C-alpha atoms as a PDB file:
ATOM      1  CA  MET A   1     -46.203 -27.254  22.813  1.00  0.00           C
ATOM      2  CA  PRO A   2     -42.539 -26.121  22.496  1.00  0.00           C
ATOM      3  CA  SER A   3     -40.478 -25.472  25.581  1.00  0.00           C
ATOM      4  CA  GLU A   4     -39.130 -22.001  26.403  1.00  0.00           C
ATOM      5  CA  LYS A   5     -35.570 -23.039  25.448  1.00  0.00           C
ATOM      6  CA  THR A   6     -36.360 -23.787  21.804  1.00  0.00           C
ATOM      7  CA  CYS A   7     -37.656 -21.796  18.889  1.00  0.00           C
ATOM      8  CA  GLY A   8     -40.426 -24.265  18.125  1.00  0.00           C
ATOM      9  CA  ARG A   9     -38.642 -25.839  15.156  1.00  0.00           C
ATOM     10  CA  CYS A  10     -36.226 -28.057  17.085  1.00  0.00           C
ATOM     11  CA  THR A  11     -36.386 -30.452  19.976  1.00  0.00           C
ATOM     12  CA  ASP A  12     -34.740 -29.976  23.350  1.00  0.00           C
ATOM     13  CA  ASN A  13     -31.820 -32.190  22.265  1.00  0.00           C
ATOM     14  CA  GLU A  14     -31.125 -30.063  19.179  1.00  0.00           C
ATOM     15  CA  SER A  15     -31.150 -26.786  21.143  1.00  0.00           C
ATOM     16  CA  ARG A  16     -28.469 -28.094  23.542  1.00  0.00           C
ATOM     17  CA  LEU A  17     -25.977 -28.926  20.764  1.00  0.00           C
ATOM     18  CA  GLY A  18     -24.446 -25.484  20.440  1.00  0.00           C
ATOM     19  CA  PRO A  19     -24.938 -21.789  19.797  1.00  0.00           C
ATOM     20  CA  PRO A  20     -27.265 -20.692  17.029  1.00  0.00           C
ATOM     21  CA  ARG A  21     -25.801 -20.553  13.540  1.00  0.00           C
ATOM     22  CA  ARG A  22     -26.259 -16.763  13.335  1.00  0.00           C
ATOM     23  CA  LEU A  23     -24.000 -16.281  16.356  1.00  0.00           C
ATOM     24  CA  VAL A  24     -21.275 -18.493  14.865  1.00  0.00           C
ATOM     25  CA  VAL A  25     -21.401 -16.648  11.540  1.00  0.00           C
ATOM     26  CA  SER A  26     -21.311 -13.292  13.341  1.00  0.00           C
ATOM     27  CA  LEU A  27     -18.265 -14.338  15.358  1.00  0.00           C
ATOM     28  CA  VAL A  28     -16.456 -15.570  12.232  1.00  0.00           C
ATOM     29  CA  VAL A  29     -17.191 -12.280  10.442  1.00  0.00           C
ATOM     30  CA  LEU A  30     -16.004 -10.333  13.495  1.00  0.00           C
ATOM     31  CA  VAL A  31     -12.749 -12.308  13.689  1.00  0.00           C
ATOM     32  CA  VAL A  32     -12.100 -11.802   9.965  1.00  0.00           C
ATOM     33  CA  CYS A  33     -12.770  -8.051  10.256  1.00  0.00           C
ATOM     34  CA  VAL A  34     -10.435  -7.720  13.233  1.00  0.00           C
ATOM     35  CA  ALA A  35      -7.735  -9.693  11.415  1.00  0.00           C
ATOM     36  CA  LEU A  36      -8.050  -7.469   8.339  1.00  0.00           C
ATOM     37  CA  ALA A  37      -7.906  -4.337  10.500  1.00  0.00           C
ATOM     38  CA  LEU A  38      -4.756  -5.561  12.256  1.00  0.00           C
ATOM     39  CA  LEU A  39      -3.151  -6.482   8.945  1.00  0.00           C
ATOM     40  CA  SER A  40      -4.009  -3.058   7.553  1.00  0.00           C
ATOM     41  CA  CYS A  41      -2.546  -1.284  10.604  1.00  0.00           C
ATOM     42  CA  GLU A  42       0.618  -3.382  10.434  1.00  0.00           C
ATOM     43  CA  SER A  43       1.040  -2.622   6.747  1.00  0.00           C
ATOM     44  CA  TYR A  44       0.527   1.115   7.307  1.00  0.00           C
ATOM     45  CA  SER A  45       2.886   1.316  10.280  1.00  0.00           C
ATOM     46  CA  GLY A  46       5.604  -0.450   8.303  1.00  0.00           C
ATOM     47  CA  THR A  47       5.699   2.328   5.720  1.00  0.00           C
ATOM     48  CA  HIS A  48       4.841   5.417   7.800  1.00  0.00           C
ATOM     49  CA  SER A  49       6.447   6.989  10.838  1.00  0.00           C
ATOM     50  CA  SER A  50       4.869   9.385  13.265  1.00  0.00           C
ATOM     51  CA  THR A  51       6.277  11.670  15.911  1.00  0.00           C
ATOM     52  CA  ASP A  52       5.227  14.723  17.882  1.00  0.00           C
ATOM     53  CA  ASP A  53       8.646  16.369  17.649  1.00  0.00           C
ATOM     54  CA  ALA A  54       9.693  16.436  14.008  1.00  0.00           C
ATOM     55  CA  CYS A  55      11.336  18.820  11.621  1.00  0.00           C
ATOM     56  CA  VAL A  56      11.294  18.351   7.891  1.00  0.00           C
ATOM     57  CA  ASP A  57      13.951  19.873   5.678  1.00  0.00           C
ATOM     58  CA  GLY A  58      14.194  19.336   1.984  1.00  0.00           C
ATOM     59  CA  ARG A  59      15.749  20.573  -1.165  1.00  0.00           C
ATOM     60  CA  ILE A  60      13.833  21.053  -4.341  1.00  0.00           C
ATOM     61  CA  HIS A  61      15.576  20.186  -7.575  1.00  0.00           C
ATOM     62  CA  THR A  62      13.878  21.089 -10.781  1.00  0.00           C
ATOM     63  CA  VAL A  63      14.201  18.503 -13.492  1.00  0.00           C
ATOM     64  CA  THR A  64      13.025  19.413 -16.926  1.00  0.00           C
ATOM     65  CA  GLY A  65      13.202  17.494 -20.091  1.00  0.00           C
ATOM     66  CA  THR A  66      12.378  17.959 -23.680  1.00  0.00           C
ATOM     67  CA  ILE A  67      11.051  15.057 -25.604  1.00  0.00           C
ATOM     68  CA  SER A  68      10.862  15.093 -29.339  1.00  0.00           C
ATOM     69  CA  GLY A  69       8.507  12.966 -31.286  1.00  0.00           C
ATOM     70  CA  THR A  70       4.842  12.313 -31.048  1.00  0.00           C
ATOM     71  CA  ASP A  71       2.704  10.018 -28.971  1.00  0.00           C
ATOM     72  CA  HIS A  72       2.580   6.460 -30.215  1.00  0.00           C
ATOM     73  CA  GLN A  73       5.607   6.921 -32.420  1.00  0.00           C
ATOM     74  CA  LEU A  74       7.135   3.628 -33.533  1.00  0.00           C
ATOM     75  CA  VAL A  75      10.652   2.930 -32.289  1.00  0.00           C
ATOM     76  CA  LYS A  76      13.053   0.986 -34.435  1.00  0.00           C
ATOM     77  CA  LYS A  77      16.208  -0.834 -33.418  1.00  0.00           C
ATOM     78  CA  GLY A  78      19.053   1.649 -33.091  1.00  0.00           C
ATOM     79  CA  ASP A  79      16.836   4.729 -32.570  1.00  0.00           C
ATOM     80  CA  LEU A  80      18.076   7.164 -29.925  1.00  0.00           C
ATOM     81  CA  LEU A  81      15.653   7.067 -27.008  1.00  0.00           C
ATOM     82  CA  VAL A  82      17.328   9.296 -24.418  1.00  0.00           C
ATOM     83  CA  GLU A  83      20.172  11.776 -24.540  1.00  0.00           C
ATOM     84  CA  ILE A  84      21.555  12.998 -21.229  1.00  0.00           C
ATOM     85  CA  ASP A  85      23.042  16.490 -21.168  1.00  0.00           C
ATOM     86  CA  PRO A  86      26.684  16.056 -20.081  1.00  0.00           C
ATOM     87  CA  VAL A  87      27.032  19.578 -18.613  1.00  0.00           C
ATOM     88  CA  ASP A  88      26.308  18.538 -14.987  1.00  0.00           C
ATOM     89  CA  TYR A  89      28.709  15.613 -15.232  1.00  0.00           C
ATOM     90  CA  ASP A  90      31.435  17.758 -16.775  1.00  0.00           C
ATOM     91  CA  VAL A  91      31.123  20.347 -13.993  1.00  0.00           C
ATOM     92  CA  ARG A  92      31.475  17.678 -11.292  1.00  0.00           C
ATOM     93  CA  VAL A  93      34.550  16.254 -13.006  1.00  0.00           C
ATOM     94  CA  GLU A  94      36.218  19.645 -13.539  1.00  0.00           C
ATOM     95  CA  ARG A  95      35.603  20.978 -10.002  1.00  0.00           C
ATOM     96  CA  PRO A  96      38.033  18.589  -8.208  1.00  0.00           C
ATOM     97  CA  GLN A  97      40.585  19.002 -11.001  1.00  0.00           C
ATOM     98  CA  LYS A  98      40.593  22.787 -10.529  1.00  0.00           C
ATOM     99  CA  GLN A  99      41.097  22.406  -6.764  1.00  0.00           C
ATOM    100  CA  LEU A 100      44.369  20.514  -7.279  1.00  0.00           C
END
């Protein structure tokens, strides 16, 4: 007849060796989950800031572009890929020159 301390499958010596395997596995899973949660929180807090007293101000700049060609068009060596409109650059260069 098994004693009250055992499950019936092991002797008294085996039951005294340590906690049941299910408890050990549960603790390992719990530790891994906590570690992943802490790592996730650390990663999030490194890239996001929070405050109760904040003001956000921004400027919106519209950027438009026209692209000629078709999808999956082959590009050969020497083909022009991008052409930047020099108007904005020219204005920034001329403005200080006019102020002189």
